[in-house]
Amino acid sequence: MRVVGSQVGLVFCACRDDHISIKLRKCGILPVCMALCLIASLILPYISMVAKKVLPAFLPLVSDTGGSPPSSGVFAICLILASFFGFITFPILYFNIKHRNVNDSKYIRLANKLLMLFSSISCLGLTITGAFPVGYTDIPNMFEWFTAVLWEHCLGAIMIFGGAFVFQLLVTIMWWYLPGTSRRAAYIRIPFICIYILLFFIAAYPLPNMLLELLGQNPFDFARMKNRVYDIPREYSVNYLICSFCEYSLCAMSALFIGMFYKDMQNVSLRIVLRHKSCVTEFEEPAPSIKLKNIS
């Protein structure tokens, strides 16, 4: 195989003025797809694990239902797809809010930037959580499982729930002051954020206790942890069930909250135009010189 290089200057676009474009006239489908992927990440792994009788049917943690294959693969796919739709939806939402801020309020501009930041953190957390399933137990001992799996999974979960909480709080506040939004939409979002805060407080006490039940009363006794092997819980304590109930509730409410953007995003259209550099005007950028390589 021989590579021959040739230089061609001032190559003009073959499509002339009719450039290739990708159009989505109504963007409401994007938050709906993200919400459906999040709901699927709750339901499908649960059905798989319970059908195989790996876990008791009554309310295992979301992380445990998506912890072992093949459920972990389904869990990861759903979360990664939700993250994909999120990384498309939230930038569009950011520019939509920016466009509707006709009074150029500096508070809305700041809140909108924070909304973009924390929504991105939450979407990245979805990918991290799916990439580190807690049911990966083919590790010599609990200490290595903790350092190689658990803390990354917990970091992703913190990014998801923390980012979702700030995102919902900012949206609830902005919907009161953003022009063009109805009071009804603002009133609907208030119970979501209130219940979200309540669930955080409910899980504040049992969550540390559940972790101590999992790791032992002395979680910093690394020598003891190196002599134990981790396995998925087969019997659920009260602390475990409370945390599981709060986790399912928070996930379901976050999915519904995102799906509520359907009506707002239906008024937004997206168009991506693909064009060659030579199509720009001489004031924007000069026509490029393209190097072609012929492979023979």
C-alpha atoms as a PDB file:
ATOM      1  CA  MET A   1       0.000   0.000   0.000  1.00  0.00           C
ATOM      2  CA  ARG A   2       1.402   3.362  -1.008  1.00  0.00           C
ATOM      3  CA  VAL A   3       0.178   6.782   0.102  1.00  0.00           C
ATOM      4  CA  VAL A   4       0.492   9.635  -2.391  1.00  0.00           C
ATOM      5  CA  GLY A   5      -0.203  13.188  -1.279  1.00  0.00           C
ATOM      6  CA  SER A   6      -1.459  15.968  -3.543  1.00  0.00           C
ATOM      7  CA  GLN A   7      -2.333  19.590  -2.827  1.00  0.00           C
ATOM      8  CA  VAL A   8      -5.588  21.107  -4.053  1.00  0.00           C
ATOM      9  CA  GLY A   9      -6.322  24.764  -3.312  1.00  0.00           C
ATOM     10  CA  LEU A  10      -9.594  26.657  -3.136  1.00  0.00           C
ATOM     11  CA  VAL A  11     -11.935  23.708  -3.284  1.00  0.00           C
ATOM     12  CA  PHE A  12     -15.532  24.983  -3.406  1.00  0.00           C
ATOM     13  CA  CYS A  13     -18.494  23.210  -1.905  1.00  0.00           C
ATOM     14  CA  ALA A  14     -20.383  21.030  -4.385  1.00  0.00           C
ATOM     15  CA  CYS A  15     -23.738  21.740  -2.733  1.00  0.00           C
ATOM     16  CA  ARG A  16     -23.516  25.452  -3.694  1.00  0.00           C
ATOM     17  CA  ASP A  17     -26.075  27.444  -1.707  1.00  0.00           C
ATOM     18  CA  ASP A  18     -28.265  24.466  -0.785  1.00  0.00           C
ATOM     19  CA  HIS A  19     -26.352  23.123   2.208  1.00  0.00           C
ATOM     20  CA  ILE A  20     -27.021  19.867   3.986  1.00  0.00           C
ATOM     21  CA  SER A  21     -29.100  20.403   7.114  1.00  0.00           C
ATOM     22  CA  ILE A  22     -30.505  18.271   9.910  1.00  0.00           C
ATOM     23  CA  LYS A  23     -33.856  19.531  11.188  1.00  0.00           C
ATOM     24  CA  LEU A  24     -35.987  18.739  14.196  1.00  0.00           C
ATOM     25  CA  ARG A  25     -39.075  20.921  14.033  1.00  0.00           C
ATOM     26  CA  LYS A  26     -40.280  20.140  17.567  1.00  0.00           C
ATOM     27  CA  CYS A  27     -37.807  19.168  20.287  1.00  0.00           C
ATOM     28  CA  GLY A  28     -40.346  17.875  22.793  1.00  0.00           C
ATOM     29  CA  ILE A  29     -39.399  14.294  21.955  1.00  0.00           C
ATOM     30  CA  LEU A  30     -35.920  14.773  23.481  1.00  0.00           C
ATOM     31  CA  PRO A  31     -36.864  15.183  27.179  1.00  0.00           C
ATOM     32  CA  VAL A  32     -39.489  12.449  26.757  1.00  0.00           C
ATOM     33  CA  CYS A  33     -36.840  10.042  25.434  1.00  0.00           C
ATOM     34  CA  MET A  34     -34.558  10.878  28.346  1.00  0.00           C
ATOM     35  CA  ALA A  35     -37.367  10.330  30.851  1.00  0.00           C
ATOM     36  CA  LEU A  36     -38.308   6.984  29.260  1.00  0.00           C
ATOM     37  CA  CYS A  37     -34.687   5.806  29.408  1.00  0.00           C
ATOM     38  CA  LEU A  38     -34.538   6.700  33.102  1.00  0.00           C
ATOM     39  CA  ILE A  39     -37.783   4.836  33.808  1.00  0.00           C
ATOM     40  CA  ALA A  40     -36.493   1.848  31.828  1.00  0.00           C
ATOM     41  CA  SER A  41     -33.321   1.807  33.951  1.00  0.00           C
ATOM     42  CA  LEU A  42     -35.562   1.310  37.004  1.00  0.00           C
ATOM     43  CA  ILE A  43     -37.976  -1.286  35.591  1.00  0.00           C
ATOM     44  CA  LEU A  44     -36.010  -3.541  33.218  1.00  0.00           C
ATOM     45  CA  PRO A  45     -33.126  -4.517  35.553  1.00  0.00           C
ATOM     46  CA  TYR A  46     -35.628  -5.078  38.379  1.00  0.00           C
ATOM     47  CA  ILE A  47     -37.714  -7.445  36.241  1.00  0.00           C
ATOM     48  CA  SER A  48     -34.588  -9.314  35.144  1.00  0.00           C
ATOM     49  CA  MET A  49     -33.167  -9.808  38.646  1.00  0.00           C
ATOM     50  CA  VAL A  50     -36.496 -10.802  40.211  1.00  0.00           C
ATOM     51  CA  ALA A  51     -37.372 -13.150  37.350  1.00  0.00           C
ATOM     52  CA  LYS A  52     -34.043 -14.945  37.841  1.00  0.00           C
ATOM     53  CA  LYS A  53     -34.691 -14.997  41.621  1.00  0.00           C
ATOM     54  CA  VAL A  54     -31.328 -13.405  42.300  1.00  0.00           C
ATOM     55  CA  LEU A  55     -32.836 -10.828  44.669  1.00  0.00           C
ATOM     56  CA  PRO A  56     -35.974 -10.716  46.838  1.00  0.00           C
ATOM     57  CA  ALA A  57     -38.817  -9.029  44.997  1.00  0.00           C
ATOM     58  CA  PHE A  58     -39.634  -6.422  47.626  1.00  0.00           C
ATOM     59  CA  LEU A  59     -37.727  -3.248  46.841  1.00  0.00           C
ATOM     60  CA  PRO A  60     -34.034  -3.948  46.256  1.00  0.00           C
ATOM     61  CA  LEU A  61     -31.868  -0.898  45.639  1.00  0.00           C
ATOM     62  CA  VAL A  62     -31.717   0.342  42.057  1.00  0.00           C
ATOM     63  CA  SER A  63     -27.951  -0.165  42.142  1.00  0.00           C
ATOM     64  CA  ASP A  64     -28.384  -3.803  43.230  1.00  0.00           C
ATOM     65  CA  THR A  65     -30.938  -4.618  40.524  1.00  0.00           C
ATOM     66  CA  GLY A  66     -28.519  -3.264  37.918  1.00  0.00           C
ATOM     67  CA  GLY A  67     -25.469  -4.670  39.643  1.00  0.00           C
ATOM     68  CA  SER A  68     -24.944  -8.059  37.990  1.00  0.00           C
ATOM     69  CA  PRO A  69     -25.036  -9.222  34.355  1.00  0.00           C
ATOM     70  CA  PRO A  70     -27.135  -9.320  32.261  1.00  0.00           C
ATOM     71  CA  SER A  71     -29.101  -6.701  34.219  1.00  0.00           C
ATOM     72  CA  SER A  72     -25.986  -4.536  34.574  1.00  0.00           C
ATOM     73  CA  GLY A  73     -25.699  -4.332  30.780  1.00  0.00           C
ATOM     74  CA  VAL A  74     -29.334  -3.229  30.416  1.00  0.00           C
ATOM     75  CA  PHE A  75     -28.862  -0.788  33.296  1.00  0.00           C
ATOM     76  CA  ALA A  76     -25.740   0.739  31.714  1.00  0.00           C
ATOM     77  CA  ILE A  77     -27.354   1.032  28.263  1.00  0.00           C
ATOM     78  CA  CYS A  78     -30.411   2.818  29.678  1.00  0.00           C
ATOM     79  CA  LEU A  79     -28.299   5.246  31.711  1.00  0.00           C
ATOM     80  CA  ILE A  80     -25.927   5.997  28.843  1.00  0.00           C
ATOM     81  CA  LEU A  81     -28.865   6.604  26.475  1.00  0.00           C
ATOM     82  CA  ALA A  82     -30.457   8.898  29.085  1.00  0.00           C
ATOM     83  CA  SER A  83     -27.143  10.752  29.381  1.00  0.00           C
ATOM     84  CA  PHE A  84     -26.959  11.049  25.571  1.00  0.00           C
ATOM     85  CA  PHE A  85     -30.423  12.587  25.327  1.00  0.00           C
ATOM     86  CA  GLY A  86     -29.613  14.814  28.314  1.00  0.00           C
ATOM     87  CA  PHE A  87     -26.495  16.232  26.684  1.00  0.00           C
ATOM     88  CA  ILE A  88     -28.707  17.216  23.721  1.00  0.00           C
ATOM     89  CA  THR A  89     -31.771  18.372  25.666  1.00  0.00           C
ATOM     90  CA  PHE A  90     -30.165  20.622  28.277  1.00  0.00           C
ATOM     91  CA  PRO A  91     -28.082  22.793  25.903  1.00  0.00           C
ATOM     92  CA  ILE A  92     -31.254  23.385  23.853  1.00  0.00           C
ATOM     93  CA  LEU A  93     -33.109  24.237  27.063  1.00  0.00           C
ATOM     94  CA  TYR A  94     -30.284  26.610  28.019  1.00  0.00           C
ATOM     95  CA  PHE A  95     -30.533  28.529  24.740  1.00  0.00           C
ATOM     96  CA  ASN A  96     -34.338  28.472  24.927  1.00  0.00           C
ATOM     97  CA  ILE A  97     -34.271  30.128  28.363  1.00  0.00           C
ATOM     98  CA  LYS A  98     -31.601  32.559  27.172  1.00  0.00           C
ATOM     99  CA  HIS A  99     -33.802  33.520  24.215  1.00  0.00           C
ATOM    100  CA  ARG A 100     -36.879  33.976  26.408  1.00  0.00           C
ATOM    101  CA  ASN A 101     -35.025  36.219  28.853  1.00  0.00           C
ATOM    102  CA  VAL A 102     -36.250  39.314  26.994  1.00  0.00           C
ATOM    103  CA  ASN A 103     -35.650  41.580  29.998  1.00  0.00           C
ATOM    104  CA  ASP A 104     -32.013  40.451  30.140  1.00  0.00           C
ATOM    105  CA  SER A 105     -32.251  39.702  33.852  1.00  0.00           C
ATOM    106  CA  LYS A 106     -28.797  39.010  35.276  1.00  0.00           C
ATOM    107  CA  TYR A 107     -30.308  36.644  37.846  1.00  0.00           C
ATOM    108  CA  ILE A 108     -31.924  34.504  35.149  1.00  0.00           C
ATOM    109  CA  ARG A 109     -28.671  34.549  33.165  1.00  0.00           C
ATOM    110  CA  LEU A 110     -26.729  33.340  36.221  1.00  0.00           C
ATOM    111  CA  ALA A 111     -29.330  30.723  37.119  1.00  0.00           C
ATOM    112  CA  ASN A 112     -29.381  29.513  33.507  1.00  0.00           C
ATOM    113  CA  LYS A 113     -25.600  29.021  33.488  1.00  0.00           C
ATOM    114  CA  LEU A 114     -25.766  27.142  36.782  1.00  0.00           C
ATOM    115  CA  LEU A 115     -28.613  25.051  35.376  1.00  0.00           C
ATOM    116  CA  MET A 116     -26.425  24.086  32.420  1.00  0.00           C
ATOM    117  CA  LEU A 117     -23.515  23.238  34.736  1.00  0.00           C
ATOM    118  CA  PHE A 118     -25.445  21.033  37.155  1.00  0.00           C
ATOM    119  CA  SER A 119     -27.454  19.302  34.433  1.00  0.00           C
ATOM    120  CA  SER A 120     -24.150  18.379  32.747  1.00  0.00           C
ATOM    121  CA  ILE A 121     -22.814  17.072  36.071  1.00  0.00           C
ATOM    122  CA  SER A 122     -25.937  14.948  36.501  1.00  0.00           C
ATOM    123  CA  CYS A 123     -25.672  13.533  32.955  1.00  0.00           C
ATOM    124  CA  LEU A 124     -22.000  12.692  33.488  1.00  0.00           C
ATOM    125  CA  GLY A 125     -22.990  10.979  36.746  1.00  0.00           C
ATOM    126  CA  LEU A 126     -25.395   8.738  34.802  1.00  0.00           C
ATOM    127  CA  THR A 127     -22.516   7.473  32.664  1.00  0.00           C
ATOM    128  CA  ILE A 128     -20.206   6.926  35.657  1.00  0.00           C
ATOM    129  CA  THR A 129     -22.884   5.044  37.599  1.00  0.00           C
ATOM    130  CA  GLY A 130     -23.634   2.739  34.685  1.00  0.00           C
ATOM    131  CA  ALA A 131     -19.937   2.078  34.083  1.00  0.00           C
ATOM    132  CA  PHE A 132     -19.307   0.857  37.661  1.00  0.00           C
ATOM    133  CA  PRO A 133     -22.059  -1.636  38.639  1.00  0.00           C
ATOM    134  CA  VAL A 134     -21.884  -2.526  42.341  1.00  0.00           C
ATOM    135  CA  GLY A 135     -22.601  -6.191  41.607  1.00  0.00           C
ATOM    136  CA  TYR A 136     -19.146  -6.662  40.097  1.00  0.00           C
ATOM    137  CA  THR A 137     -17.975  -9.101  42.786  1.00  0.00           C
ATOM    138  CA  ASP A 138     -15.189 -11.005  40.981  1.00  0.00           C
ATOM    139  CA  ILE A 139     -12.684  -9.132  43.146  1.00  0.00           C
ATOM    140  CA  PRO A 140     -10.456 -10.807  45.787  1.00  0.00           C
ATOM    141  CA  ASN A 141     -11.755  -8.892  48.807  1.00  0.00           C
ATOM    142  CA  MET A 142     -14.087  -6.146  50.003  1.00  0.00           C
ATOM    143  CA  PHE A 143     -11.324  -3.549  50.276  1.00  0.00           C
ATOM    144  CA  GLU A 144     -10.472  -3.832  46.580  1.00  0.00           C
ATOM    145  CA  TRP A 145     -14.184  -3.881  45.719  1.00  0.00           C
ATOM    146  CA  PHE A 146     -14.629  -0.657  47.712  1.00  0.00           C
ATOM    147  CA  THR A 147     -11.687   1.120  46.028  1.00  0.00           C
ATOM    148  CA  ALA A 148     -12.353  -0.196  42.508  1.00  0.00           C
ATOM    149  CA  VAL A 149     -16.156  -0.156  42.303  1.00  0.00           C
ATOM    150  CA  LEU A 150     -18.114   1.296  45.208  1.00  0.00           C
ATOM    151  CA  TRP A 151     -16.643   4.776  45.545  1.00  0.00           C
ATOM    152  CA  GLU A 152     -16.850   5.419  41.775  1.00  0.00           C
ATOM    153  CA  HIS A 153     -20.464   4.209  41.768  1.00  0.00           C
ATOM    154  CA  CYS A 154     -21.280   6.379  44.796  1.00  0.00           C
ATOM    155  CA  LEU A 155     -19.572   9.367  43.168  1.00  0.00           C
ATOM    156  CA  GLY A 156     -21.761   8.932  40.086  1.00  0.00           C
ATOM    157  CA  ALA A 157     -24.890   8.630  42.260  1.00  0.00           C
ATOM    158  CA  ILE A 158     -23.985  11.811  44.170  1.00  0.00           C
ATOM    159  CA  MET A 159     -23.495  13.624  40.869  1.00  0.00           C
ATOM    160  CA  ILE A 160     -26.890  12.402  39.638  1.00  0.00           C
ATOM    161  CA  PHE A 161     -28.976  13.248  42.686  1.00  0.00           C
ATOM    162  CA  GLY A 162     -27.057  16.392  43.654  1.00  0.00           C
ATOM    163  CA  GLY A 163     -27.130  17.765  40.122  1.00  0.00           C
ATOM    164  CA  ALA A 164     -30.812  16.834  39.716  1.00  0.00           C
ATOM    165  CA  PHE A 165     -31.705  18.567  42.978  1.00  0.00           C
ATOM    166  CA  VAL A 166     -29.988  21.844  42.046  1.00  0.00           C
ATOM    167  CA  PHE A 167     -31.393  21.615  38.505  1.00  0.00           C
ATOM    168  CA  GLN A 168     -34.972  21.204  39.748  1.00  0.00           C
ATOM    169  CA  LEU A 169     -34.545  23.971  42.313  1.00  0.00           C
ATOM    170  CA  LEU A 170     -33.229  26.434  39.706  1.00  0.00           C
ATOM    171  CA  VAL A 171     -35.955  25.545  37.205  1.00  0.00           C
ATOM    172  CA  THR A 172     -38.674  25.925  39.853  1.00  0.00           C
ATOM    173  CA  ILE A 173     -37.381  29.392  40.754  1.00  0.00           C
ATOM    174  CA  MET A 174     -36.850  30.528  37.156  1.00  0.00           C
ATOM    175  CA  TRP A 175     -40.331  29.448  36.096  1.00  0.00           C
ATOM    176  CA  TRP A 176     -41.718  32.145  38.382  1.00  0.00           C
ATOM    177  CA  TYR A 177     -39.784  34.967  36.745  1.00  0.00           C
ATOM    178  CA  LEU A 178     -39.135  33.787  33.174  1.00  0.00           C
ATOM    179  CA  PRO A 179     -41.370  35.576  30.643  1.00  0.00           C
ATOM    180  CA  GLY A 180     -43.763  33.383  28.738  1.00  0.00           C
ATOM    181  CA  THR A 181     -44.223  30.723  31.424  1.00  0.00           C
ATOM    182  CA  SER A 182     -47.597  29.975  32.966  1.00  0.00           C
ATOM    183  CA  ARG A 183     -48.244  30.077  36.708  1.00  0.00           C
ATOM    184  CA  ARG A 184     -49.741  26.617  36.429  1.00  0.00           C
ATOM    185  CA  ALA A 185     -46.416  25.180  35.261  1.00  0.00           C
ATOM    186  CA  ALA A 186     -44.665  26.903  38.167  1.00  0.00           C
ATOM    187  CA  TYR A 187     -47.199  25.593  40.704  1.00  0.00           C
ATOM    188  CA  ILE A 188     -46.833  22.027  39.387  1.00  0.00           C
ATOM    189  CA  ARG A 189     -43.065  22.096  39.895  1.00  0.00           C
ATOM    190  CA  ILE A 190     -43.199  23.278  43.521  1.00  0.00           C
ATOM    191  CA  PRO A 191     -44.459  19.951  44.989  1.00  0.00           C
ATOM    192  CA  PHE A 192     -41.687  18.121  43.158  1.00  0.00           C
ATOM    193  CA  ILE A 193     -38.896  20.099  44.793  1.00  0.00           C
ATOM    194  CA  CYS A 194     -40.613  19.971  48.204  1.00  0.00           C
ATOM    195  CA  ILE A 195     -40.990  16.174  48.101  1.00  0.00           C
ATOM    196  CA  TYR A 196     -37.420  15.910  46.784  1.00  0.00           C
ATOM    197  CA  ILE A 197     -36.118  17.791  49.848  1.00  0.00           C
ATOM    198  CA  LEU A 198     -38.308  15.704  52.167  1.00  0.00           C
ATOM    199  CA  LEU A 199     -36.935  12.439  50.750  1.00  0.00           C
ATOM    200  CA  PHE A 200     -33.380  13.702  51.228  1.00  0.00           C
ATOM    201  CA  PHE A 201     -34.122  14.310  54.920  1.00  0.00           C
ATOM    202  CA  ILE A 202     -35.815  10.910  55.288  1.00  0.00           C
ATOM    203  CA  ALA A 203     -32.756   9.136  53.858  1.00  0.00           C
ATOM    204  CA  ALA A 204     -30.239  11.214  55.854  1.00  0.00           C
ATOM    205  CA  TYR A 205     -30.238   8.880  58.887  1.00  0.00           C
ATOM    206  CA  PRO A 206     -30.698   5.349  57.429  1.00  0.00           C
ATOM    207  CA  LEU A 207     -28.186   5.853  54.594  1.00  0.00           C
ATOM    208  CA  PRO A 208     -25.046   6.004  56.828  1.00  0.00           C
ATOM    209  CA  ASN A 209     -26.443   3.114  58.888  1.00  0.00           C
ATOM    210  CA  MET A 210     -26.981   1.063  55.744  1.00  0.00           C
ATOM    211  CA  LEU A 211     -23.377   1.696  54.670  1.00  0.00           C
ATOM    212  CA  LEU A 212     -22.152   0.620  58.108  1.00  0.00           C
ATOM    213  CA  GLU A 213     -24.200  -2.567  57.792  1.00  0.00           C
ATOM    214  CA  LEU A 214     -22.549  -3.151  54.429  1.00  0.00           C
ATOM    215  CA  LEU A 215     -18.946  -2.305  55.329  1.00  0.00           C
ATOM    216  CA  GLY A 216     -19.004  -3.097  59.052  1.00  0.00           C
ATOM    217  CA  GLN A 217     -19.127  -0.884  62.131  1.00  0.00           C
ATOM    218  CA  ASN A 218     -15.485   0.134  61.582  1.00  0.00           C
ATOM    219  CA  PRO A 219     -15.265   1.031  57.882  1.00  0.00           C
ATOM    220  CA  PHE A 220     -11.624   2.102  58.242  1.00  0.00           C
ATOM    221  CA  ASP A 221     -10.477  -1.319  59.423  1.00  0.00           C
ATOM    222  CA  PHE A 222      -8.888  -2.146  56.079  1.00  0.00           C
ATOM    223  CA  ALA A 223      -7.193  -5.301  57.370  1.00  0.00           C
ATOM    224  CA  ARG A 224     -10.608  -6.792  58.206  1.00  0.00           C
ATOM    225  CA  MET A 225     -12.017  -5.732  54.838  1.00  0.00           C
ATOM    226  CA  LYS A 226      -9.141  -7.462  53.043  1.00  0.00           C
ATOM    227  CA  ASN A 227     -10.235 -10.744  54.632  1.00  0.00           C
ATOM    228  CA  ARG A 228     -13.857 -10.471  53.479  1.00  0.00           C
ATOM    229  CA  VAL A 229     -15.492 -10.905  50.093  1.00  0.00           C
ATOM    230  CA  TYR A 230     -18.433  -8.715  49.045  1.00  0.00           C
ATOM    231  CA  ASP A 231     -21.745 -10.205  47.978  1.00  0.00           C
ATOM    232  CA  ILE A 232     -25.078  -8.590  47.091  1.00  0.00           C
ATOM    233  CA  PRO A 233     -27.430  -8.410  50.117  1.00  0.00           C
ATOM    234  CA  ARG A 234     -30.011 -11.216  50.140  1.00  0.00           C
ATOM    235  CA  GLU A 235     -31.948  -9.955  53.180  1.00  0.00           C
ATOM    236  CA  TYR A 236     -33.039  -6.341  53.540  1.00  0.00           C
ATOM    237  CA  SER A 237     -32.841  -4.393  56.780  1.00  0.00           C
ATOM    238  CA  VAL A 238     -35.182  -1.527  57.666  1.00  0.00           C
ATOM    239  CA  ASN A 239     -32.448   0.994  56.827  1.00  0.00           C
ATOM    240  CA  TYR A 240     -31.973  -0.680  53.445  1.00  0.00           C
ATOM    241  CA  LEU A 241     -35.706  -0.574  52.630  1.00  0.00           C
ATOM    242  CA  ILE A 242     -36.045   3.104  53.591  1.00  0.00           C
ATOM    243  CA  CYS A 243     -33.064   4.049  51.385  1.00  0.00           C
ATOM    244  CA  SER A 244     -34.431   1.930  48.548  1.00  0.00           C
ATOM    245  CA  PHE A 245     -37.870   3.572  48.755  1.00  0.00           C
ATOM    246  CA  CYS A 246     -36.298   7.044  48.719  1.00  0.00           C
ATOM    247  CA  GLU A 247     -34.030   6.124  45.803  1.00  0.00           C
ATOM    248  CA  TYR A 248     -36.868   4.818  43.636  1.00  0.00           C
ATOM    249  CA  SER A 249     -38.998   7.848  44.509  1.00  0.00           C
ATOM    250  CA  LEU A 250     -36.223  10.322  43.679  1.00  0.00           C
ATOM    251  CA  CYS A 251     -35.433   8.594  40.375  1.00  0.00           C
ATOM    252  CA  ALA A 252     -39.082   8.399  39.289  1.00  0.00           C
ATOM    253  CA  MET A 253     -39.738  12.034  40.240  1.00  0.00           C
ATOM    254  CA  SER A 254     -36.633  13.220  38.387  1.00  0.00           C
ATOM    255  CA  ALA A 255     -37.775  11.370  35.258  1.00  0.00           C
ATOM    256  CA  LEU A 256     -41.266  12.901  35.498  1.00  0.00           C
ATOM    257  CA  PHE A 257     -39.790  16.358  36.092  1.00  0.00           C
ATOM    258  CA  ILE A 258     -37.711  16.074  32.924  1.00  0.00           C
ATOM    259  CA  GLY A 259     -40.700  14.779  30.964  1.00  0.00           C
ATOM    260  CA  MET A 260     -42.622  17.915  31.968  1.00  0.00           C
ATOM    261  CA  PHE A 261     -40.427  19.923  29.577  1.00  0.00           C
ATOM    262  CA  TYR A 262     -42.254  18.313  26.651  1.00  0.00           C
ATOM    263  CA  LYS A 263     -44.661  21.218  26.188  1.00  0.00           C
ATOM    264  CA  ASP A 264     -41.949  23.887  26.450  1.00  0.00           C
ATOM    265  CA  MET A 265     -39.609  22.062  24.071  1.00  0.00           C
ATOM    266  CA  GLN A 266     -42.390  21.518  21.533  1.00  0.00           C
ATOM    267  CA  ASN A 267     -42.151  25.237  20.800  1.00  0.00           C
ATOM    268  CA  VAL A 268     -38.442  24.899  19.987  1.00  0.00           C
ATOM    269  CA  SER A 269     -37.009  23.768  16.661  1.00  0.00           C
ATOM    270  CA  LEU A 270     -33.452  22.618  16.025  1.00  0.00           C
ATOM    271  CA  ARG A 271     -31.525  22.942  12.782  1.00  0.00           C
ATOM    272  CA  ILE A 272     -27.932  21.861  12.180  1.00  0.00           C
ATOM    273  CA  VAL A 273     -26.365  23.068   8.923  1.00  0.00           C
ATOM    274  CA  LEU A 274     -23.361  21.252   7.498  1.00  0.00           C
ATOM    275  CA  ARG A 275     -21.203  23.275   5.154  1.00  0.00           C
ATOM    276  CA  HIS A 276     -17.672  23.303   3.836  1.00  0.00           C
ATOM    277  CA  LYS A 277     -15.247  25.998   4.949  1.00  0.00           C
ATOM    278  CA  SER A 278     -15.147  27.336   1.412  1.00  0.00           C
ATOM    279  CA  CYS A 279     -18.819  28.303   1.747  1.00  0.00           C
ATOM    280  CA  VAL A 280     -18.112  31.065   4.244  1.00  0.00           C
ATOM    281  CA  THR A 281     -17.732  34.624   3.072  1.00  0.00           C
ATOM    282  CA  GLU A 282     -14.344  36.218   2.692  1.00  0.00           C
ATOM    283  CA  PHE A 283     -15.082  38.341   5.757  1.00  0.00           C
ATOM    284  CA  GLU A 284     -15.569  35.259   7.916  1.00  0.00           C
ATOM    285  CA  GLU A 285     -12.756  33.004   6.853  1.00  0.00           C
ATOM    286  CA  PRO A 286     -10.719  32.503   3.674  1.00  0.00           C
ATOM    287  CA  ALA A 287     -11.316  29.437   1.547  1.00  0.00           C
ATOM    288  CA  PRO A 288      -9.105  26.651   2.854  1.00  0.00           C
ATOM    289  CA  SER A 289      -6.446  24.687   1.099  1.00  0.00           C
ATOM    290  CA  ILE A 290      -7.228  20.974   1.310  1.00  0.00           C
ATOM    291  CA  LYS A 291      -4.632  18.256   1.269  1.00  0.00           C
ATOM    292  CA  LEU A 292      -5.799  15.031  -0.382  1.00  0.00           C
ATOM    293  CA  LYS A 293      -4.197  11.622   0.102  1.00  0.00           C
ATOM    294  CA  ASN A 294      -4.623   8.938  -2.516  1.00  0.00           C
ATOM    295  CA  ILE A 295      -4.155   5.397  -1.245  1.00  0.00           C
ATOM    296  CA  SER A 296      -3.145   2.823  -3.833  1.00  0.00           C
END
